[in-house]
Protein backbone atom coordinates (compact mmCIF):
# COMPACT_ATOMS: atom_id res chain seq x y z
CA MET A 1 0.00 0.00 0.00
CA MET A 2 1.07 3.55 0.61
CA THR A 3 0.56 5.34 3.85
CA ALA A 4 3.98 6.57 4.99
CA ALA A 5 4.79 8.18 1.67
CA ALA A 6 1.65 10.27 1.70
CA GLY A 7 2.83 12.40 4.61
CA ALA A 8 6.58 12.18 4.13
CA PHE A 9 6.92 14.58 1.20
CA SER A 10 3.84 16.84 1.43
CA GLN A 11 1.08 17.99 3.74
CA THR A 12 -1.60 16.10 1.83
CA TYR A 13 -3.10 13.10 3.59
CA TYR A 14 -5.47 10.61 1.98
CA VAL A 15 -8.48 8.48 2.76
CA TYR A 16 -8.27 4.96 1.27
CA THR A 17 -11.49 2.94 1.13
CA SER A 18 -11.59 -0.69 -0.01
CA LYS A 19 -13.80 -1.13 -3.06
CA GLN A 20 -13.32 -4.86 -3.64
CA ASN A 21 -11.69 -7.95 -2.16
CA GLY A 22 -7.95 -7.77 -2.65
CA ASN A 23 -4.43 -7.33 -1.31
CA TRP A 24 -3.40 -4.40 0.88
CA ASN A 25 -0.56 -3.48 -1.50
CA ASP A 26 -2.67 -3.61 -4.66
CA MET A 27 -3.94 -0.11 -5.49
CA ASN A 28 -6.85 -1.68 -7.39
CA THR A 29 -8.22 -2.72 -3.99
CA TRP A 30 -8.75 0.91 -2.98
CA SER A 31 -10.45 4.12 -3.94
CA SER A 32 -8.65 7.20 -2.64
CA ALA A 33 -9.30 10.89 -2.05
CA PRO A 34 -7.45 13.70 -0.26
CA ARG A 35 -8.37 14.04 3.39
CA THR A 36 -10.23 17.29 3.98
CA ASP A 37 -10.82 17.35 7.76
CA GLY A 38 -7.33 18.60 8.60
CA VAL A 39 -6.28 15.51 10.58
CA PRO A 40 -2.56 14.91 9.82
CA ARG A 41 -2.60 11.17 9.23
CA THR A 42 -3.72 8.67 6.61
CA LYS A 43 -7.19 7.15 7.02
CA VAL A 44 -7.88 3.59 5.87
CA ILE A 45 -11.40 2.15 5.76
CA LEU A 46 -12.01 -1.56 5.19
CA SER A 47 -15.58 -1.61 3.92
CA ALA A 48 -18.06 -4.08 5.40
CA ALA A 49 -18.55 -6.06 2.20
CA TYR A 50 -14.90 -6.85 1.52
CA THR A 51 -11.86 -8.78 2.74
CA VAL A 52 -8.43 -7.19 2.44
CA SER A 53 -5.42 -9.47 2.89
CA VAL A 54 -2.12 -8.10 4.16
CA ASP A 55 1.06 -10.09 3.48
CA ASN A 56 4.76 -9.87 4.30
CA ASN A 57 5.36 -7.23 1.62
CA VAL A 58 4.53 -4.71 4.36
CA ASN A 59 7.10 -6.09 6.84
CA ASN A 60 9.84 -3.64 5.95
CA PHE A 61 7.54 -0.71 5.21
CA PRO A 62 6.51 1.29 8.30
CA LEU A 63 3.03 2.63 7.64
CA GLY A 64 3.50 5.82 9.63
CA ASP A 65 0.62 7.76 11.20
CA ALA A 66 -2.64 6.07 10.28
CA GLU A 67 -6.24 5.55 11.36
CA ILE A 68 -7.55 2.14 10.30
CA TYR A 69 -11.28 1.44 10.55
CA ILE A 70 -12.23 -2.20 10.04
CA LEU A 71 -15.85 -2.74 9.06
CA GLY A 72 -15.07 -5.76 6.86
CA SER A 73 -12.25 -8.29 7.26
CA LEU A 74 -8.50 -7.78 7.56
CA GLN A 75 -6.90 -11.13 6.70
CA MET A 76 -3.41 -11.53 8.15
CA THR A 77 -1.26 -13.99 6.19
CA ASN A 78 1.71 -15.85 7.64
CA ASN A 79 4.92 -13.98 8.49
CA THR A 80 3.24 -10.57 8.32
CA ILE A 81 3.86 -7.63 10.64
CA LEU A 82 1.73 -4.50 10.22
CA ARG A 83 3.82 -1.69 11.77
CA LEU A 84 2.09 1.57 12.75
CA SER A 85 3.42 4.65 14.52
CA GLN A 86 2.70 5.34 18.20
CA THR A 87 0.06 7.94 17.29
CA SER A 88 -1.87 5.50 15.10
CA ARG A 89 -5.16 3.83 15.95
CA VAL A 90 -6.92 0.65 14.75
CA GLU A 91 -10.67 0.41 15.35
CA ILE A 92 -12.95 -2.58 14.74
CA GLN A 93 -16.54 -1.54 14.05
CA ASN A 94 -19.85 -3.35 13.60
CA VAL A 95 -19.12 -6.84 12.20
CA GLY A 96 -15.51 -6.01 11.38
CA ARG A 97 -12.76 -8.48 12.26
CA ILE A 98 -9.04 -9.21 12.09
CA ILE A 99 -8.33 -12.80 11.07
CA GLY A 100 -5.19 -14.67 12.05
CA THR A 101 -4.06 -18.03 13.40
CA ASN A 102 -0.44 -17.90 14.59
CA SER A 103 2.28 -15.77 16.17
CA THR A 104 3.79 -14.72 12.81
CA GLN A 105 0.76 -12.48 12.22
CA GLN A 106 1.10 -9.25 14.17
CA VAL A 107 -0.07 -5.65 14.42
CA LEU A 108 2.30 -3.23 16.19
CA ILE A 109 1.58 0.32 17.31
CA GLY A 110 4.68 2.23 18.34
CA GLY A 111 6.53 -1.09 18.49
CA VAL A 112 4.03 -2.56 21.00
CA LEU A 113 2.27 -5.80 20.08
CA LYS A 114 -1.48 -5.14 19.86
CA TYR A 115 -2.56 -8.17 17.83
CA ASP A 116 -1.01 -11.65 17.82
CA GLY A 117 -2.69 -14.30 15.68
CA SER A 118 -1.79 -17.08 18.11
CA LYS A 119 -3.57 -15.30 20.99
CA ASP A 120 -6.26 -13.16 19.37
CA HIS A 121 -7.15 -15.42 16.43
CA THR A 122 -10.28 -13.85 14.87
CA LYS A 123 -10.62 -10.50 16.63
CA THR A 124 -14.19 -9.18 16.63
CA GLY A 125 -16.33 -6.83 18.68
CA ALA A 126 -16.46 -3.06 18.80
CA SER A 127 -12.98 -2.21 20.09
CA PHE A 128 -9.85 -0.22 19.36
CA ALA A 129 -6.08 -0.33 19.81
CA SER A 130 -3.85 2.68 20.34
CA GLN A 131 -0.71 3.67 22.23
CA ALA A 132 -2.79 3.83 25.42
CA THR A 133 -4.22 0.29 25.24
CA GLY A 134 -2.52 -2.88 26.47
CA ILE A 135 -0.47 -5.68 24.94
CA SER A 136 -1.97 -8.69 23.12
CA PRO A 137 -4.18 -10.48 24.05
CA ASN A 138 -5.38 -7.26 25.69
CA GLY A 139 -4.21 -4.92 22.94
CA PHE A 140 -7.76 -3.95 21.99
CA THR A 141 -10.19 -2.24 24.38
CA SER A 142 -13.97 -2.12 24.07
CA ASN A 143 -15.29 1.25 22.91
CA LEU A 144 -18.88 0.53 23.87
CA VAL A 145 -20.62 2.11 26.84
CA LEU A 146 -22.30 -0.89 28.46
CA PRO A 147 -24.90 -1.17 31.22
CA VAL A 148 -22.67 -3.92 32.61
CA LYS A 149 -19.08 -3.13 33.47
CA LEU A 150 -17.19 -6.32 32.68
CA LEU A 151 -13.93 -6.65 34.62
CA SER A 152 -12.80 -9.92 33.04
CA PHE A 153 -13.89 -12.71 30.73
CA THR A 154 -11.73 -15.82 30.42
CA ALA A 155 -11.93 -19.22 28.74
CA PHE A 156 -9.65 -22.16 29.50
CA LYS A 157 -9.70 -25.87 28.75
CA THR A 158 -9.66 -28.60 31.37
CA SER A 159 -9.42 -32.34 30.75
CA ASN A 160 -13.19 -32.63 30.48
CA ASP A 161 -14.59 -29.29 29.31
CA VAL A 162 -14.08 -25.58 28.65
CA GLN A 163 -14.45 -23.32 31.67
CA LEU A 164 -15.84 -19.83 31.04
CA LYS A 165 -15.59 -17.28 33.83
CA TRP A 166 -16.47 -13.59 33.96
CA VAL A 167 -16.66 -10.90 36.60
CA THR A 168 -18.69 -7.68 36.60
CA ALA A 169 -17.92 -4.56 38.62
CA SER A 170 -21.47 -3.22 38.36
CA GLU A 171 -24.73 -3.95 36.56
CA VAL A 172 -27.73 -1.83 35.59
CA SER A 173 -31.03 -3.61 34.78
CA ASN A 174 -29.11 -6.71 33.71
CA ASP A 175 -31.57 -9.49 32.81
CA TYR A 176 -29.24 -12.27 31.62
CA PHE A 177 -26.09 -13.29 29.78
CA ALA A 178 -26.28 -15.52 26.71
CA VAL A 179 -23.12 -17.61 26.30
CA GLU A 180 -22.40 -17.94 22.59
CA ARG A 181 -19.99 -20.30 20.80
CA SER A 182 -18.61 -20.38 17.26
CA TYR A 183 -16.24 -22.61 15.32
CA ASP A 184 -15.31 -20.06 12.64
CA GLY A 185 -15.28 -16.81 14.61
CA THR A 186 -18.22 -15.48 12.59
CA THR A 187 -21.37 -17.54 13.15
CA PHE A 188 -22.27 -17.80 16.84
CA THR A 189 -24.86 -20.02 18.56
CA THR A 190 -26.26 -19.58 22.05
CA ILE A 191 -25.31 -22.56 24.24
CA ALA A 192 -26.51 -21.29 27.62
CA THR A 193 -28.23 -18.40 29.41
CA ILE A 194 -27.14 -17.21 32.85
CA ASN A 195 -29.34 -14.89 34.92
CA GLY A 196 -27.90 -11.46 35.64
CA SER A 197 -28.00 -9.57 38.94
CA ALA A 198 -30.44 -6.82 37.89
CA THR A 199 -28.90 -3.64 39.32
CA THR A 200 -25.92 -3.85 41.63
CA ASN A 201 -22.66 -2.08 42.44
CA VAL A 202 -21.21 -5.21 44.03
CA GLN A 203 -18.54 -7.19 42.15
CA THR A 204 -20.21 -10.36 40.85
CA SER A 205 -18.66 -13.56 39.47
CA TYR A 206 -20.21 -15.91 36.90
CA SER A 207 -19.16 -19.19 35.32
CA TYR A 208 -20.26 -21.79 32.79
CA SER A 209 -18.83 -25.21 31.82
CA ASP A 210 -19.03 -26.19 28.17
CA ASN A 211 -18.60 -29.97 27.81
CA SER A 212 -19.76 -30.25 24.20
CA ALA A 213 -17.14 -28.22 22.29
CA LEU A 214 -15.92 -29.90 19.10
CA GLY A 215 -13.44 -29.11 16.32
CA THR A 216 -10.00 -27.59 16.73
CA ILE A 217 -10.65 -23.98 17.81
CA ALA A 218 -13.71 -22.67 19.62
CA TYR A 219 -14.69 -19.01 19.97
CA TYR A 220 -16.78 -17.68 22.84
CA ARG A 221 -18.52 -14.38 23.59
CA LEU A 222 -21.12 -13.06 26.00
CA LYS A 223 -24.32 -11.39 24.88
CA GLN A 224 -25.61 -9.21 27.73
CA VAL A 225 -29.36 -8.46 27.62
CA ASP A 226 -31.03 -5.90 29.85
CA THR A 227 -34.64 -5.84 31.08
CA LYS A 228 -35.72 -3.78 28.04
CA GLY A 229 -34.28 -6.30 25.60
CA THR A 230 -31.28 -4.14 24.64
CA SER A 231 -28.16 -6.22 24.10
CA SER A 232 -24.41 -5.78 23.79
CA TYR A 233 -21.48 -8.13 23.25
CA SER A 234 -18.22 -8.83 25.03
CA GLU A 235 -14.95 -9.33 23.23
CA VAL A 236 -14.39 -12.81 21.76
CA ARG A 237 -12.23 -15.39 23.52
CA SER A 238 -10.78 -18.34 21.62
CA LEU A 239 -8.85 -21.46 22.51
CA ILE A 240 -7.77 -24.79 21.09
CA VAL A 241 -10.22 -27.51 22.11
CA GLY A 242 -9.00 -30.33 19.88
CA LYS A 243 -6.17 -31.37 17.61
CA GLU A 244 -6.35 -31.17 13.83
CA GLN A 245 -5.11 -34.29 12.06
CA PRO A 246 -2.04 -33.33 10.00
CA ALA A 247 -2.04 -33.42 6.24
CA GLN A 248 0.29 -35.76 4.35
CA VAL A 249 2.72 -33.92 2.04
CA TYR A 250 5.20 -35.60 -0.30
CA VAL A 251 6.96 -35.08 -3.66
CA THR A 252 6.80 -37.18 -6.80
CA ASP A 253 7.78 -36.28 -10.40
CA ASN A 254 8.26 -32.57 -9.56
CA LEU A 255 4.78 -32.47 -8.08
CA ILE A 256 3.97 -31.73 -4.46
CA LYS A 257 1.12 -33.97 -3.38
CA VAL A 258 -1.11 -32.98 -0.49
CA LYS A 259 -3.61 -35.31 1.17
CA LEU A 260 -5.79 -33.86 3.91
CA ALA A 261 -7.18 -35.92 6.78
CA GLN A 262 -10.74 -35.19 5.64
CA ASP A 263 -12.69 -33.34 2.95
CA VAL A 264 -12.39 -29.58 3.24
CA SER A 265 -15.29 -27.76 4.87
CA SER A 266 -14.18 -24.32 3.65
CA LYS A 267 -11.79 -22.81 1.11
CA THR A 268 -8.31 -24.17 1.83
CA ASN A 269 -5.15 -22.44 0.57
CA ILE A 270 -1.94 -24.33 -0.20
CA THR A 271 1.18 -22.20 -0.68
CA VAL A 272 4.68 -23.42 -1.58
CA LEU A 273 7.52 -21.10 -0.54
CA THR A 274 11.30 -21.04 -0.55
CA ALA A 275 13.28 -20.65 2.67
CA ASN A 276 13.48 -16.91 1.85
CA GLY A 277 9.72 -16.59 1.70
CA GLN A 278 9.41 -16.45 -2.10
CA VAL A 279 6.15 -17.97 -3.31
CA ILE A 280 6.74 -20.77 -5.83
CA THR A 281 3.11 -21.70 -6.43
CA ARG A 282 -0.33 -21.52 -4.83
CA LYS A 283 -3.52 -23.55 -5.09
CA VAL A 284 -6.99 -23.28 -3.56
CA ILE A 285 -9.06 -26.38 -2.70
CA ASN A 286 -12.80 -25.85 -2.51
CA GLU A 287 -13.77 -29.53 -2.22
CA GLY A 288 -12.22 -32.95 -1.74
CA LYS A 289 -9.05 -33.64 0.25
CA THR A 290 -6.21 -34.02 -2.30
CA ALA A 291 -4.21 -31.61 -4.43
CA SER A 292 -1.14 -31.58 -6.69
CA LEU A 293 1.11 -28.56 -7.25
CA SER A 294 3.80 -28.38 -9.92
CA ILE A 295 7.15 -26.97 -8.77
CA GLY A 296 8.95 -27.11 -12.14
CA THR A 297 12.27 -28.75 -12.81
CA THR A 298 14.57 -26.45 -10.81
CA VAL A 299 13.91 -26.03 -7.11
CA PRO A 300 16.05 -24.95 -4.14
CA GLY A 301 17.19 -27.43 -1.51
CA VAL A 302 14.39 -26.59 0.94
CA LEU A 303 10.74 -25.74 0.39
CA PHE A 304 7.95 -25.00 2.83
CA VAL A 305 4.32 -25.98 2.19
CA ASN A 306 1.70 -24.03 4.15
CA ILE A 307 -1.86 -25.37 4.31
CA THR A 308 -4.55 -23.22 5.90
CA ASP A 309 -8.30 -22.68 5.77
CA ASN A 310 -7.87 -19.41 7.75
CA LYS A 311 -10.06 -20.85 10.49
CA GLN A 312 -9.05 -24.02 12.30
CA MET A 313 -6.30 -25.55 10.16
CA ASN A 314 -2.84 -24.08 9.72
CA GLN A 315 0.01 -26.50 9.01
CA THR A 316 3.48 -25.90 7.56
CA VAL A 317 5.61 -28.78 6.23
CA ARG A 318 9.36 -28.57 5.43
CA LEU A 319 10.54 -30.50 2.37
CA MET A 320 14.17 -31.31 1.49
CA PHE A 321 15.35 -31.84 -2.09
């Protein structure tokens, strides 16, 4: 993309708005216009209808002073660090989300880690990160004014179930909490309702045990409903609840063969890279569980094959030649 250069050589700052699905560094992804409100930083808006992927082409390009508003999806690819200045701000609005799966996917503000894919996974909920907020997994802070002041919300796995615990500092007309679970970070289902404490200024603790979680990663959030039916959501917590069966990867006749443990349930990306991170070839599987990728006749001594569905599966295999 572009942001640091906009302010480095002139006093003109721009607003970039995503107009289609695409890559952060592809100017065809964006429409742009000069910023007219006098704020001296670049403004980036990820529209609700689109997904923008950011890859490691931004790693060595500090983005400078920027405001990033995520109403759609920001897809973090492997080995990607989005570096912003200490005066920058990232805000997730409405159904916006940041999608990641491992610790090589990061967002830094002023050198401080605000988003880590291995801890935050799919980050949703109305929240923001700035110089004043914490460090991942607490890099984003809710920007909603809620009738319930939530002090903490945690999820951890035991040998038999997932324990959810939350504590409120105060409550106003709080009817109940709906405990919601998702396996993709997007579609949530209510699995329990817990009565609230109406109106109180006393610190109150709640808990719920989920013994029916399946899959590899589970996402949890609280929906708080007051006596008038008005609702608000907590931040999302995620954790590994199972173990994904690894894919089989091998080479034959200059073809990399991939065999998944089961048929894909969502779009699965297979990327072959050199040890220096250069992409040799890519393939997308939309159905089935096998794929073949040609690597040509001349290859380096080591290749890496990354397999991910950007949800629950993310596996990297090292191949020697």
